[in-house]
Amino acid sequence: MLIPHRTSDGEESLLPPDYQRILASVRQAAGPVMARQVGELLGVDVSVRAKLEPLRGKLVRLVDRGWLRKLPDGRFTTRL
């Protein structure tokens, strides 16, 4: 499995480098962020939907594996 489920020790080093950068950018944001804001922090051309959707998919994958939380309004935040 490319993206492991988060365990109690939460070793981020188990994640691939691009997922580590995504996680770090969500952490450094002042609060919950939209995928577009994460893309801007990572230098992705957010004006092109085809470049933003793969990033959104990675964010959702991190949510599914327990690394991030997705709020009902679609914003992403770190787990507590």
Protein backbone atom coordinates (compact mmCIF):
# COMPACT_ATOMS: atom_id res chain seq x y z
CA MET A 1 0.00 0.00 0.00
CA LEU A 2 1.51 3.30 -1.09
CA ILE A 3 -0.22 5.32 1.63
CA PRO A 4 -0.28 3.39 4.90
CA HIS A 5 -2.99 3.82 7.50
CA ARG A 6 -1.97 6.09 10.32
CA THR A 7 -0.95 4.23 13.45
CA SER A 8 -0.55 5.40 17.03
CA ASP A 9 3.12 6.32 16.49
CA GLY A 10 2.16 8.33 13.35
CA GLU A 11 5.46 8.02 11.49
CA GLU A 12 5.17 10.53 8.64
CA SER A 13 8.41 9.18 7.17
CA LEU A 14 6.38 6.18 5.96
CA LEU A 15 4.59 8.47 3.49
CA PRO A 16 5.98 9.20 0.02
CA PRO A 17 7.70 12.62 -0.22
CA ASP A 18 4.88 14.36 -2.11
CA TYR A 19 2.37 13.27 0.56
CA GLN A 20 4.74 14.50 3.27
CA ARG A 21 4.81 17.92 1.58
CA ILE A 22 1.00 17.98 1.39
CA LEU A 23 0.73 17.10 5.08
CA ALA A 24 3.28 19.78 6.00
CA SER A 25 1.43 22.44 3.99
CA VAL A 26 -1.87 21.65 5.73
CA ARG A 27 -0.09 21.86 9.09
CA GLN A 28 1.52 25.22 8.37
CA ALA A 29 -1.79 26.80 7.34
CA ALA A 30 -3.48 28.98 9.96
CA GLY A 31 -6.59 26.79 9.97
CA PRO A 32 -8.62 24.43 7.79
CA VAL A 33 -7.77 24.79 4.09
CA MET A 34 -9.34 24.07 0.73
CA ALA A 35 -7.47 22.00 -1.86
CA ARG A 36 -6.88 25.20 -3.85
CA GLN A 37 -5.02 26.77 -0.91
CA VAL A 38 -2.85 23.67 -0.49
CA GLY A 39 -2.08 23.83 -4.21
CA GLU A 40 -1.02 27.46 -3.90
CA LEU A 41 1.30 26.59 -1.01
CA LEU A 42 2.83 23.76 -3.06
CA GLY A 43 3.21 25.84 -6.22
CA VAL A 44 0.57 23.97 -8.27
CA ASP A 45 -1.15 25.93 -11.05
CA VAL A 46 -4.56 26.10 -9.35
CA SER A 47 -6.19 27.89 -12.29
CA VAL A 48 -6.09 24.60 -14.22
CA ARG A 49 -8.65 22.15 -12.84
CA ALA A 50 -6.78 19.16 -14.30
CA LYS A 51 -3.81 19.98 -12.06
CA LEU A 52 -5.90 20.61 -8.96
CA GLU A 53 -7.97 17.40 -9.05
CA PRO A 54 -5.02 15.00 -8.54
CA LEU A 55 -4.05 17.05 -5.47
CA ARG A 56 -7.61 16.82 -4.16
CA GLY A 57 -7.44 13.05 -4.66
CA LYS A 58 -4.24 12.87 -2.61
CA LEU A 59 -5.84 14.92 0.15
CA VAL A 60 -8.83 12.57 0.22
CA ARG A 61 -6.49 9.57 0.30
CA LEU A 62 -4.77 11.07 3.35
CA VAL A 63 -8.20 11.50 4.95
CA ASP A 64 -9.16 7.90 4.18
CA ARG A 65 -5.95 6.64 5.79
CA GLY A 66 -6.37 8.77 8.93
CA TRP A 67 -3.64 11.37 8.34
CA LEU A 68 -6.01 14.32 7.79
CA ARG A 69 -9.63 15.23 8.53
CA LYS A 70 -12.11 16.57 6.01
CA LEU A 71 -14.69 18.95 7.40
CA PRO A 72 -18.31 18.98 6.15
CA ASP A 73 -17.64 22.18 4.17
CA GLY A 74 -14.87 20.45 2.16
CA ARG A 75 -11.89 21.95 3.95
CA PHE A 76 -9.01 19.82 5.20
CA THR A 77 -7.31 19.98 8.56
CA THR A 78 -4.86 17.96 10.61
CA ARG A 79 -6.08 15.31 12.99
CA LEU A 80 -6.27 16.11 16.67
